[in-house]
Amino acid sequence: MNKQLHRLWERVEAVIMAIEDKEEVTYAGLQIQRSTFKHPLFCSTNYYLVTDLLSGKIILELHGHKEKLEICKYQKEDYFWSSFISAAAKLRCLENTFGLCRRSE
């Protein structure tokens, strides 16, 4: 079970890293959309929707804040994620090489 949770966390982390401050990103076979819902009385919350471009299936749905996200929907099949995680790792490596990573402290 811990292995599955670790893999899920890697996928959520890669999605957040890929979207950054953009509203929509198409990245390694997945489309990621982010929208912000602002409640009149409460604080705003982000909503993330990850769709596989080939099948059109929603494979991950998240909502909440970057620091505290709730997973609404998740499909764990590796074929959705393999090239995406690989591309995310390569992007992270490039960002580290050029010193582009923004670390929040």
PDB file of N, CA and C in Angstrom:
ATOM      1  N   MET A   1       0.823  -1.203   0.000  1.00  0.00           N
ATOM      2  CA  MET A   1       0.000   0.000   0.000  1.00  0.00           C
ATOM      3  C   MET A   1       0.864   1.263   0.000  1.00  0.00           C
ATOM      4  N   ASN A   2       1.960   1.262   0.767  1.00  0.00           N
ATOM      5  CA  ASN A   2       2.825   2.431   0.814  1.00  0.00           C
ATOM      6  C   ASN A   2       3.412   2.749  -0.549  1.00  0.00           C
ATOM      7  N   LYS A   3       3.715   1.704  -1.329  1.00  0.00           N
ATOM      8  CA  LYS A   3       4.269   1.908  -2.670  1.00  0.00           C
ATOM      9  C   LYS A   3       3.255   2.627  -3.560  1.00  0.00           C
ATOM     10  N   GLN A   4       1.995   2.229  -3.472  1.00  0.00           N
ATOM     11  CA  GLN A   4       0.945   2.869  -4.269  1.00  0.00           C
ATOM     12  C   GLN A   4       0.748   4.324  -3.856  1.00  0.00           C
ATOM     13  N   LEU A   5       0.777   4.596  -2.563  1.00  0.00           N
ATOM     14  CA  LEU A   5       0.641   5.976  -2.087  1.00  0.00           C
ATOM     15  C   LEU A   5       1.818   6.831  -2.540  1.00  0.00           C
ATOM     16  N   HIS A   6       3.012   6.244  -2.503  1.00  0.00           N
ATOM     17  CA  HIS A   6       4.193   6.975  -2.960  1.00  0.00           C
ATOM     18  C   HIS A   6       4.077   7.311  -4.448  1.00  0.00           C
ATOM     19  N   ARG A   7       3.612   6.353  -5.263  1.00  0.00           N
ATOM     20  CA  ARG A   7       3.441   6.584  -6.696  1.00  0.00           C
ATOM     21  C   ARG A   7       2.377   7.637  -6.952  1.00  0.00           C
ATOM     22  N   LEU A   8       1.297   7.588  -6.186  1.00  0.00           N
ATOM     23  CA  LEU A   8       0.246   8.601  -6.325  1.00  0.00           C
ATOM     24  C   LEU A   8       0.797   9.982  -5.984  1.00  0.00           C
ATOM     25  N   TRP A   9       1.566  10.087  -4.909  1.00  0.00           N
ATOM     26  CA  TRP A   9       2.142  11.364  -4.524  1.00  0.00           C
ATOM     27  C   TRP A   9       3.063  11.899  -5.613  1.00  0.00           C
ATOM     28  N   GLU A  10       3.882  11.025  -6.222  1.00  0.00           N
ATOM     29  CA  GLU A  10       4.764  11.447  -7.320  1.00  0.00           C
ATOM     30  C   GLU A  10       3.946  12.028  -8.468  1.00  0.00           C
ATOM     31  N   ARG A  11       2.807  11.415  -8.760  1.00  0.00           N
ATOM     32  CA  ARG A  11       1.962  11.867  -9.863  1.00  0.00           C
ATOM     33  C   ARG A  11       1.315  13.205  -9.558  1.00  0.00           C
ATOM     34  N   VAL A  12       0.822  13.370  -8.352  1.00  0.00           N
ATOM     35  CA  VAL A  12       0.217  14.646  -7.949  1.00  0.00           C
ATOM     36  C   VAL A  12       1.276  15.752  -7.974  1.00  0.00           C
ATOM     37  N   GLU A  13       2.453  15.452  -7.444  1.00  0.00           N
ATOM     38  CA  GLU A  13       3.550  16.419  -7.416  1.00  0.00           C
ATOM     39  C   GLU A  13       3.949  16.836  -8.837  1.00  0.00           C
ATOM     40  N   ALA A  14       4.014  15.870  -9.756  1.00  0.00           N
ATOM     41  CA  ALA A  14       4.376  16.170 -11.143  1.00  0.00           C
ATOM     42  C   ALA A  14       3.320  17.034 -11.822  1.00  0.00           C
ATOM     43  N   VAL A  15       2.047  16.792 -11.523  1.00  0.00           N
ATOM     44  CA  VAL A  15       0.960  17.600 -12.086  1.00  0.00           C
ATOM     45  C   VAL A  15       1.068  19.039 -11.599  1.00  0.00           C
ATOM     46  N   ILE A  16       1.281  19.231 -10.305  1.00  0.00           N
ATOM     47  CA  ILE A  16       1.386  20.574  -9.738  1.00  0.00           C
ATOM     48  C   ILE A  16       2.587  21.300 -10.315  1.00  0.00           C
ATOM     49  N   MET A  17       3.709  20.580 -10.468  1.00  0.00           N
ATOM     50  CA  MET A  17       4.907  21.188 -11.025  1.00  0.00           C
ATOM     51  C   MET A  17       4.676  21.600 -12.482  1.00  0.00           C
ATOM     52  N   ALA A  18       3.982  20.755 -13.245  1.00  0.00           N
ATOM     53  CA  ALA A  18       3.766  21.039 -14.667  1.00  0.00           C
ATOM     54  C   ALA A  18       2.830  22.228 -14.877  1.00  0.00           C
ATOM     55  N   ILE A  19       1.812  22.375 -14.053  1.00  0.00           N
ATOM     56  CA  ILE A  19       0.813  23.425 -14.282  1.00  0.00           C
ATOM     57  C   ILE A  19       1.304  24.783 -13.791  1.00  0.00           C
ATOM     58  N   GLU A  20       2.096  24.830 -12.717  1.00  0.00           N
ATOM     59  CA  GLU A  20       2.595  26.071 -12.116  1.00  0.00           C
ATOM     60  C   GLU A  20       1.468  27.087 -11.980  1.00  0.00           C
ATOM     61  N   ASP A  21       1.585  28.245 -12.631  1.00  0.00           N
ATOM     62  CA  ASP A  21       0.560  29.285 -12.534  1.00  0.00           C
ATOM     63  C   ASP A  21      -0.319  29.353 -13.774  1.00  0.00           C
ATOM     64  N   LYS A  22      -0.173  28.389 -14.664  1.00  0.00           N
ATOM     65  CA  LYS A  22      -0.944  28.397 -15.910  1.00  0.00           C
ATOM     66  C   LYS A  22      -2.340  27.811 -15.684  1.00  0.00           C
ATOM     67  N   GLU A  23      -3.236  28.115 -16.568  1.00  0.00           N
ATOM     68  CA  GLU A  23      -4.600  27.592 -16.478  1.00  0.00           C
ATOM     69  C   GLU A  23      -4.753  26.244 -17.175  1.00  0.00           C
ATOM     70  N   GLU A  24      -3.934  26.013 -18.215  1.00  0.00           N
ATOM     71  CA  GLU A  24      -4.050  24.765 -18.971  1.00  0.00           C
ATOM     72  C   GLU A  24      -2.699  24.412 -19.580  1.00  0.00           C
ATOM     73  N   VAL A  25      -2.356  23.135 -19.501  1.00  0.00           N
ATOM     74  CA  VAL A  25      -1.094  22.647 -20.052  1.00  0.00           C
ATOM     75  C   VAL A  25      -1.340  21.296 -20.698  1.00  0.00           C
ATOM     76  N   THR A  26      -0.781  21.097 -21.881  1.00  0.00           N
ATOM     77  CA  THR A  26      -0.765  19.776 -22.495  1.00  0.00           C
ATOM     78  C   THR A  26       0.669  19.307 -22.407  1.00  0.00           C
ATOM     79  N   TYR A  27       0.859  18.153 -21.774  1.00  0.00           N
ATOM     80  CA  TYR A  27       2.195  17.753 -21.369  1.00  0.00           C
ATOM     81  C   TYR A  27       2.303  16.236 -21.427  1.00  0.00           C
ATOM     82  N   ALA A  28       3.127  15.724 -22.339  1.00  0.00           N
ATOM     83  CA  ALA A  28       3.435  14.291 -22.437  1.00  0.00           C
ATOM     84  C   ALA A  28       2.192  13.409 -22.462  1.00  0.00           C
ATOM     85  N   GLY A  29       1.230  13.766 -23.290  1.00  0.00           N
ATOM     86  CA  GLY A  29       0.037  12.938 -23.464  1.00  0.00           C
ATOM     87  C   GLY A  29      -1.094  13.204 -22.493  1.00  0.00           C
ATOM     88  N   LEU A  30      -0.886  14.118 -21.563  1.00  0.00           N
ATOM     89  CA  LEU A  30      -1.939  14.456 -20.616  1.00  0.00           C
ATOM     90  C   LEU A  30      -2.270  15.929 -20.730  1.00  0.00           C
ATOM     91  N   GLN A  31      -3.539  16.245 -20.570  1.00  0.00           N
ATOM     92  CA  GLN A  31      -3.979  17.639 -20.532  1.00  0.00           C
ATOM     93  C   GLN A  31      -4.343  17.956 -19.086  1.00  0.00           C
ATOM     94  N   ILE A  32      -3.767  19.034 -18.575  1.00  0.00           N
ATOM     95  CA  ILE A  32      -4.019  19.450 -17.199  1.00  0.00           C
ATOM     96  C   ILE A  32      -4.710  20.803 -17.240  1.00  0.00           C
ATOM     97  N   GLN A  33      -5.840  20.899 -16.568  1.00  0.00           N
ATOM     98  CA  GLN A  33      -6.566  22.165 -16.493  1.00  0.00           C
ATOM     99  C   GLN A  33      -6.712  22.552 -15.028  1.00  0.00           C
ATOM    100  N   ARG A  34      -6.521  23.834 -14.762  1.00  0.00           N
ATOM    101  CA  ARG A  34      -6.692  24.347 -13.409  1.00  0.00           C
ATOM    102  C   ARG A  34      -7.689  25.488 -13.449  1.00  0.00           C
ATOM    103  N   SER A  35      -8.612  25.462 -12.531  1.00  0.00           N
ATOM    104  CA  SER A  35      -9.532  26.588 -12.401  1.00  0.00           C
ATOM    105  C   SER A  35      -9.625  26.944 -10.922  1.00  0.00           C
ATOM    106  N   THR A  36     -10.054  28.147 -10.660  1.00  0.00           N
ATOM    107  CA  THR A  36     -10.180  28.615  -9.279  1.00  0.00           C
ATOM    108  C   THR A  36     -11.637  28.914  -8.997  1.00  0.00           C
ATOM    109  N   PHE A  37     -12.127  28.340  -7.926  1.00  0.00           N
ATOM    110  CA  PHE A  37     -13.491  28.592  -7.498  1.00  0.00           C
ATOM    111  C   PHE A  37     -13.425  29.542  -6.310  1.00  0.00           C
ATOM    112  N   LYS A  38     -14.088  30.670  -6.423  1.00  0.00           N
ATOM    113  CA  LYS A  38     -14.097  31.652  -5.335  1.00  0.00           C
ATOM    114  C   LYS A  38     -15.491  31.696  -4.719  1.00  0.00           C
ATOM    115  N   HIS A  39     -15.565  31.250  -3.487  1.00  0.00           N
ATOM    116  CA  HIS A  39     -16.824  31.287  -2.758  1.00  0.00           C
ATOM    117  C   HIS A  39     -17.003  32.687  -2.172  1.00  0.00           C
ATOM    118  N   PRO A  40     -18.215  33.236  -2.208  1.00  0.00           N
ATOM    119  CA  PRO A  40     -18.427  34.604  -1.706  1.00  0.00           C
ATOM    120  C   PRO A  40     -18.051  34.798  -0.230  1.00  0.00           C
ATOM    121  N   LEU A  41     -18.231  33.747   0.588  1.00  0.00           N
ATOM    122  CA  LEU A  41     -17.959  33.890   2.020  1.00  0.00           C
ATOM    123  C   LEU A  41     -16.651  33.241   2.454  1.00  0.00           C
ATOM    124  N   PHE A  42     -16.219  32.217   1.718  1.00  0.00           N
ATOM    125  CA  PHE A  42     -15.034  31.475   2.123  1.00  0.00           C
ATOM    126  C   PHE A  42     -13.894  31.762   1.151  1.00  0.00           C
ATOM    127  N   CYS A  43     -12.732  31.221   1.457  1.00  0.00           N
ATOM    128  CA  CYS A  43     -11.570  31.452   0.593  1.00  0.00           C
ATOM    129  C   CYS A  43     -11.702  30.674  -0.727  1.00  0.00           C
ATOM    130  N   SER A  44     -10.864  31.027  -1.665  1.00  0.00           N
ATOM    131  CA  SER A  44     -10.915  30.371  -2.967  1.00  0.00           C
ATOM    132  C   SER A  44     -10.228  29.004  -2.893  1.00  0.00           C
ATOM    133  N   THR A  45     -10.593  28.131  -3.813  1.00  0.00           N
ATOM    134  CA  THR A  45     -10.002  26.798  -3.885  1.00  0.00           C
ATOM    135  C   THR A  45      -9.673  26.484  -5.336  1.00  0.00           C
ATOM    136  N   ASN A  46      -8.627  25.724  -5.549  1.00  0.00           N
ATOM    137  CA  ASN A  46      -8.231  25.332  -6.899  1.00  0.00           C
ATOM    138  C   ASN A  46      -8.800  23.966  -7.245  1.00  0.00           C
ATOM    139  N   TYR A  47      -9.061  23.779  -8.518  1.00  0.00           N
ATOM    140  CA  TYR A  47      -9.598  22.529  -9.033  1.00  0.00           C
ATOM    141  C   TYR A  47      -8.707  22.106 -10.195  1.00  0.00           C
ATOM    142  N   TYR A  48      -8.156  20.905 -10.122  1.00  0.00           N
ATOM    143  CA  TYR A  48      -7.266  20.379 -11.157  1.00  0.00           C
ATOM    144  C   TYR A  48      -7.919  19.178 -11.814  1.00  0.00           C
ATOM    145  N   LEU A  49      -7.885  19.153 -13.132  1.00  0.00           N
ATOM    146  CA  LEU A  49      -8.470  18.066 -13.910  1.00  0.00           C
ATOM    147  C   LEU A  49      -7.411  17.567 -14.890  1.00  0.00           C
ATOM    148  N   VAL A  50      -7.056  16.286 -14.800  1.00  0.00           N
ATOM    149  CA  VAL A  50      -6.046  15.697 -15.671  1.00  0.00           C
ATOM    150  C   VAL A  50      -6.734  14.672 -16.564  1.00  0.00           C
ATOM    151  N   THR A  51      -6.588  14.867 -17.882  1.00  0.00           N
ATOM    152  CA  THR A  51      -7.253  14.027 -18.872  1.00  0.00           C
ATOM    153  C   THR A  51      -6.219  13.381 -19.787  1.00  0.00           C
ATOM    154  N   ASP A  52      -6.403  12.101 -20.070  1.00  0.00           N
ATOM    155  CA  ASP A  52      -5.568  11.417 -21.047  1.00  0.00           C
ATOM    156  C   ASP A  52      -6.032  11.843 -22.440  1.00  0.00           C
ATOM    157  N   LEU A  53      -5.121  12.363 -23.261  1.00  0.00           N
ATOM    158  CA  LEU A  53      -5.507  12.891 -24.573  1.00  0.00           C
ATOM    159  C   LEU A  53      -5.985  11.817 -25.539  1.00  0.00           C
ATOM    160  N   LEU A  54      -5.422  10.618 -25.466  1.00  0.00           N
ATOM    161  CA  LEU A  54      -5.808   9.561 -26.413  1.00  0.00           C
ATOM    162  C   LEU A  54      -7.202   9.009 -26.137  1.00  0.00           C
ATOM    163  N   SER A  55      -7.480   8.731 -24.879  1.00  0.00           N
ATOM    164  CA  SER A  55      -8.769   8.120 -24.546  1.00  0.00           C
ATOM    165  C   SER A  55      -9.833   9.148 -24.183  1.00  0.00           C
ATOM    166  N   GLY A  56      -9.410  10.344 -23.773  1.00  0.00           N
ATOM    167  CA  GLY A  56     -10.359  11.355 -23.319  1.00  0.00           C
ATOM    168  C   GLY A  56     -10.852  11.119 -21.905  1.00  0.00           C
ATOM    169  N   LYS A  57     -10.274  10.113 -21.214  1.00  0.00           N
ATOM    170  CA  LYS A  57     -10.704   9.789 -19.852  1.00  0.00           C
ATOM    171  C   LYS A  57     -10.091  10.751 -18.842  1.00  0.00           C
ATOM    172  N   ILE A  58     -10.886  11.107 -17.845  1.00  0.00           N
ATOM    173  CA  ILE A  58     -10.380  11.879 -16.714  1.00  0.00           C
ATOM    174  C   ILE A  58      -9.663  10.881 -15.803  1.00  0.00           C
ATOM    175  N   ILE A  59      -8.368  11.111 -15.584  1.00  0.00           N
ATOM    176  CA  ILE A  59      -7.604  10.147 -14.799  1.00  0.00           C
ATOM    177  C   ILE A  59      -7.198  10.667 -13.428  1.00  0.00           C
ATOM    178  N   LEU A  60      -7.341  11.979 -13.215  1.00  0.00           N
ATOM    179  CA  LEU A  60      -7.042  12.539 -11.900  1.00  0.00           C
ATOM    180  C   LEU A  60      -7.830  13.823 -11.730  1.00  0.00           C
ATOM    181  N   GLU A  61      -8.479  13.940 -10.583  1.00  0.00           N
ATOM    182  CA  GLU A  61      -9.198  15.153 -10.212  1.00  0.00           C
ATOM    183  C   GLU A  61      -8.755  15.534  -8.819  1.00  0.00           C
ATOM    184  N   LEU A  62      -8.352  16.777  -8.666  1.00  0.00           N
ATOM    185  CA  LEU A  62      -7.905  17.276  -7.362  1.00  0.00           C
ATOM    186  C   LEU A  62      -8.625  18.575  -7.052  1.00  0.00           C
ATOM    187  N   HIS A  63      -8.836  18.841  -5.777  1.00  0.00           N
ATOM    188  CA  HIS A  63      -9.291  20.178  -5.418  1.00  0.00           C
ATOM    189  C   HIS A  63      -8.735  20.550  -4.053  1.00  0.00           C
ATOM    190  N   GLY A  64      -8.619  21.839  -3.826  1.00  0.00           N
ATOM    191  CA  GLY A  64      -8.078  22.355  -2.581  1.00  0.00           C
ATOM    192  C   GLY A  64      -6.992  23.370  -2.865  1.00  0.00           C
ATOM    193  N   HIS A  65      -6.062  23.500  -1.943  1.00  0.00           N
ATOM    194  CA  HIS A  65      -4.932  24.402  -2.091  1.00  0.00           C
ATOM    195  C   HIS A  65      -3.694  23.571  -2.378  1.00  0.00           C
ATOM    196  N   LYS A  66      -2.658  24.193  -2.947  1.00  0.00           N
ATOM    197  CA  LYS A  66      -1.436  23.461  -3.272  1.00  0.00           C
ATOM    198  C   LYS A  66      -0.903  22.694  -2.070  1.00  0.00           C
ATOM    199  N   GLU A  67      -1.000  23.287  -0.898  1.00  0.00           N
ATOM    200  CA  GLU A  67      -0.460  22.667   0.309  1.00  0.00           C
ATOM    201  C   GLU A  67      -1.354  21.540   0.825  1.00  0.00           C
ATOM    202  N   LYS A  68      -2.639  21.584   0.474  1.00  0.00           N
ATOM    203  CA  LYS A  68      -3.581  20.597   1.003  1.00  0.00           C
ATOM    204  C   LYS A  68      -4.600  20.256  -0.076  1.00  0.00           C
ATOM    205  N   LEU A  69      -4.286  19.225  -0.856  1.00  0.00           N
ATOM    206  CA  LEU A  69      -5.152  18.820  -1.962  1.00  0.00           C
ATOM    207  C   LEU A  69      -5.935  17.561  -1.613  1.00  0.00           C
ATOM    208  N   GLU A  70      -7.169  17.510  -2.063  1.00  0.00           N
ATOM    209  CA  GLU A  70      -7.988  16.314  -1.892  1.00  0.00           C
ATOM    210  C   GLU A  70      -8.160  15.659  -3.252  1.00  0.00           C
ATOM    211  N   ILE A  71      -7.999  14.346  -3.286  1.00  0.00           N
ATOM    212  CA  ILE A  71      -8.136  13.608  -4.542  1.00  0.00           C
ATOM    213  C   ILE A  71      -9.581  13.149  -4.680  1.00  0.00           C
ATOM    214  N   CYS A  72     -10.234  13.576  -5.760  1.00  0.00           N
ATOM    215  CA  CYS A  72     -11.632  13.220  -6.000  1.00  0.00           C
ATOM    216  C   CYS A  72     -11.739  11.984  -6.892  1.00  0.00           C
ATOM    217  N   LYS A  73     -10.818  11.857  -7.839  1.00  0.00           N
ATOM    218  CA  LYS A  73     -10.876  10.751  -8.792  1.00  0.00           C
ATOM    219  C   LYS A  73      -9.446  10.406  -9.188  1.00  0.00           C
ATOM    220  N   TYR A  74      -9.167   9.101  -9.294  1.00  0.00           N
ATOM    221  CA  TYR A  74      -7.812   8.682  -9.638  1.00  0.00           C
ATOM    222  C   TYR A  74      -7.856   7.326 -10.334  1.00  0.00           C
ATOM    223  N   GLN A  75      -7.191   7.229 -11.485  1.00  0.00           N
ATOM    224  CA  GLN A  75      -7.018   5.947 -12.169  1.00  0.00           C
ATOM    225  C   GLN A  75      -5.529   5.643 -12.171  1.00  0.00           C
ATOM    226  N   LYS A  76      -5.160   4.515 -11.606  1.00  0.00           N
ATOM    227  CA  LYS A  76      -3.751   4.238 -11.358  1.00  0.00           C
ATOM    228  C   LYS A  76      -3.039   3.500 -12.486  1.00  0.00           C
ATOM    229  N   GLU A  77      -3.701   3.192 -13.596  1.00  0.00           N
ATOM    230  CA  GLU A  77      -3.061   2.451 -14.672  1.00  0.00           C
ATOM    231  C   GLU A  77      -1.788   3.158 -15.126  1.00  0.00           C
ATOM    232  N   ASP A  78      -0.700   2.391 -15.217  1.00  0.00           N
ATOM    233  CA  ASP A  78       0.606   2.970 -15.518  1.00  0.00           C
ATOM    234  C   ASP A  78       0.696   3.567 -16.911  1.00  0.00           C
ATOM    235  N   TYR A  79      -0.046   3.034 -17.872  1.00  0.00           N
ATOM    236  CA  TYR A  79       0.096   3.551 -19.236  1.00  0.00           C
ATOM    237  C   TYR A  79      -0.358   5.002 -19.355  1.00  0.00           C
ATOM    238  N   PHE A  80      -1.190   5.486 -18.445  1.00  0.00           N
ATOM    239  CA  PHE A  80      -1.553   6.903 -18.439  1.00  0.00           C
ATOM    240  C   PHE A  80      -0.379   7.772 -18.010  1.00  0.00           C
ATOM    241  N   TRP A  81       0.465   7.223 -17.135  1.00  0.00           N
ATOM    242  CA  TRP A  81       1.421   8.045 -16.402  1.00  0.00           C
ATOM    243  C   TRP A  81       2.874   7.871 -16.801  1.00  0.00           C
ATOM    244  N   SER A  82       3.248   6.775 -17.455  1.00  0.00           N
ATOM    245  CA  SER A  82       4.667   6.469 -17.652  1.00  0.00           C
ATOM    246  C   SER A  82       5.432   7.570 -18.380  1.00  0.00           C
ATOM    247  N   SER A  83       4.961   8.002 -19.540  1.00  0.00           N
ATOM    248  CA  SER A  83       5.699   9.031 -20.285  1.00  0.00           C
ATOM    249  C   SER A  83       5.596  10.390 -19.587  1.00  0.00           C
ATOM    250  N   PHE A  84       4.481  10.649 -18.908  1.00  0.00           N
ATOM    251  CA  PHE A  84       4.316  11.915 -18.201  1.00  0.00           C
ATOM    252  C   PHE A  84       5.325  12.058 -17.064  1.00  0.00           C
ATOM    253  N   ILE A  85       5.475  11.005 -16.253  1.00  0.00           N
ATOM    254  CA  ILE A  85       6.412  11.047 -15.131  1.00  0.00           C
ATOM    255  C   ILE A  85       7.838  11.166 -15.652  1.00  0.00           C
ATOM    256  N   SER A  86       8.146  10.453 -16.730  1.00  0.00           N
ATOM    257  CA  SER A  86       9.481  10.521 -17.331  1.00  0.00           C
ATOM    258  C   SER A  86       9.778  11.946 -17.821  1.00  0.00           C
ATOM    259  N   ALA A  87       8.820  12.551 -18.516  1.00  0.00           N
ATOM    260  CA  ALA A  87       8.999  13.920 -19.019  1.00  0.00           C
ATOM    261  C   ALA A  87       9.111  14.914 -17.865  1.00  0.00           C
ATOM    262  N   ALA A  88       8.328  14.709 -16.805  1.00  0.00           N
ATOM    263  CA  ALA A  88       8.384  15.600 -15.643  1.00  0.00           C
ATOM    264  C   ALA A  88       9.756  15.517 -14.975  1.00  0.00           C
ATOM    265  N   ALA A  89      10.315  14.301 -14.878  1.00  0.00           N
ATOM    266  CA  ALA A  89      11.640  14.133 -14.272  1.00  0.00           C
ATOM    267  C   ALA A  89      12.708  14.832 -15.116  1.00  0.00           C
ATOM    268  N   LYS A  90      12.602  14.714 -16.441  1.00  0.00           N
ATOM    269  CA  LYS A  90      13.565  15.375 -17.328  1.00  0.00           C
ATOM    270  C   LYS A  90      13.451  16.894 -17.208  1.00  0.00           C
ATOM    271  N   LEU A  91      12.224  17.402 -17.126  1.00  0.00           N
ATOM    272  CA  LEU A  91      12.022  18.840 -16.968  1.00  0.00           C
ATOM    273  C   LEU A  91      12.618  19.322 -15.650  1.00  0.00           C
ATOM    274  N   ARG A  92      12.396  18.560 -14.568  1.00  0.00           N
ATOM    275  CA  ARG A  92      12.944  18.917 -13.260  1.00  0.00           C
ATOM    276  C   ARG A  92      14.469  18.940 -13.314  1.00  0.00           C
ATOM    277  N   CYS A  93      15.056  17.969 -14.005  1.00  0.00           N
ATOM    278  CA  CYS A  93      16.509  17.906 -14.144  1.00  0.00           C
ATOM    279  C   CYS A  93      17.034  19.139 -14.889  1.00  0.00           C
ATOM    280  N   LEU A  94      16.352  19.522 -15.977  1.00  0.00           N
ATOM    281  CA  LEU A  94      16.755  20.718 -16.726  1.00  0.00           C
ATOM    282  C   LEU A  94      16.636  21.972 -15.872  1.00  0.00           C
ATOM    283  N   GLU A  95      15.536  22.077 -15.132  1.00  0.00           N
ATOM    284  CA  GLU A  95      15.346  23.248 -14.273  1.00  0.00           C
ATOM    285  C   GLU A  95      16.437  23.327 -13.208  1.00  0.00           C
ATOM    286  N   ASN A  96      16.795  22.188 -12.638  1.00  0.00           N
ATOM    287  CA  ASN A  96      17.860  22.170 -11.630  1.00  0.00           C
ATOM    288  C   ASN A  96      19.194  22.567 -12.250  1.00  0.00           C
ATOM    289  N   THR A  97      19.445  22.095 -13.475  1.00  0.00           N
ATOM    290  CA  THR A  97      20.695  22.403 -14.161  1.00  0.00           C
ATOM    291  C   THR A  97      20.850  23.901 -14.391  1.00  0.00           C
ATOM    292  N   PHE A  98      19.775  24.546 -14.789  1.00  0.00           N
ATOM    293  CA  PHE A  98      19.829  25.978 -15.076  1.00  0.00           C
ATOM    294  C   PHE A  98      19.458  26.858 -13.891  1.00  0.00           C
ATOM    295  N   GLY A  99      19.184  26.235 -12.741  1.00  0.00           N
ATOM    296  CA  GLY A  99      18.850  27.007 -11.545  1.00  0.00           C
ATOM    297  C   GLY A  99      17.495  27.678 -11.621  1.00  0.00           C
ATOM    298  N   LEU A 100      16.541  27.044 -12.313  1.00  0.00           N
ATOM    299  CA  LEU A 100      15.227  27.667 -12.500  1.00  0.00           C
ATOM    300  C   LEU A 100      14.206  27.267 -11.438  1.00  0.00           C
ATOM    301  N   CYS A 101      14.544  26.297 -10.600  1.00  0.00           N
ATOM    302  CA  CYS A 101      13.590  25.823  -9.607  1.00  0.00           C
ATOM    303  C   CYS A 101      13.312  26.899  -8.575  1.00  0.00           C
ATOM    304  N   ARG A 102      12.031  27.035  -8.256  1.00  0.00           N
ATOM    305  CA  ARG A 102      11.621  27.966  -7.214  1.00  0.00           C
ATOM    306  C   ARG A 102      11.234  27.155  -5.981  1.00  0.00           C
ATOM    307  N   ARG A 103      12.000  27.300  -4.951  1.00  0.00           N
ATOM    308  CA  ARG A 103      11.695  26.567  -3.723  1.00  0.00           C
ATOM    309  C   ARG A 103      11.006  27.505  -2.742  1.00  0.00           C
ATOM    310  N   SER A 104       9.899  27.027  -2.189  1.00  0.00           N
ATOM    311  CA  SER A 104       9.195  27.843  -1.194  1.00  0.00           C
ATOM    312  C   SER A 104       9.664  27.427   0.191  1.00  0.00           C
ATOM    313  N   GLU A 105      10.051  28.391   0.984  1.00  0.00           N
ATOM    314  CA  GLU A 105      10.522  28.098   2.342  1.00  0.00           C
ATOM    315  C   GLU A 105       9.690  28.839   3.341  1.00  0.00           C
TER     316      GLU A 105
END
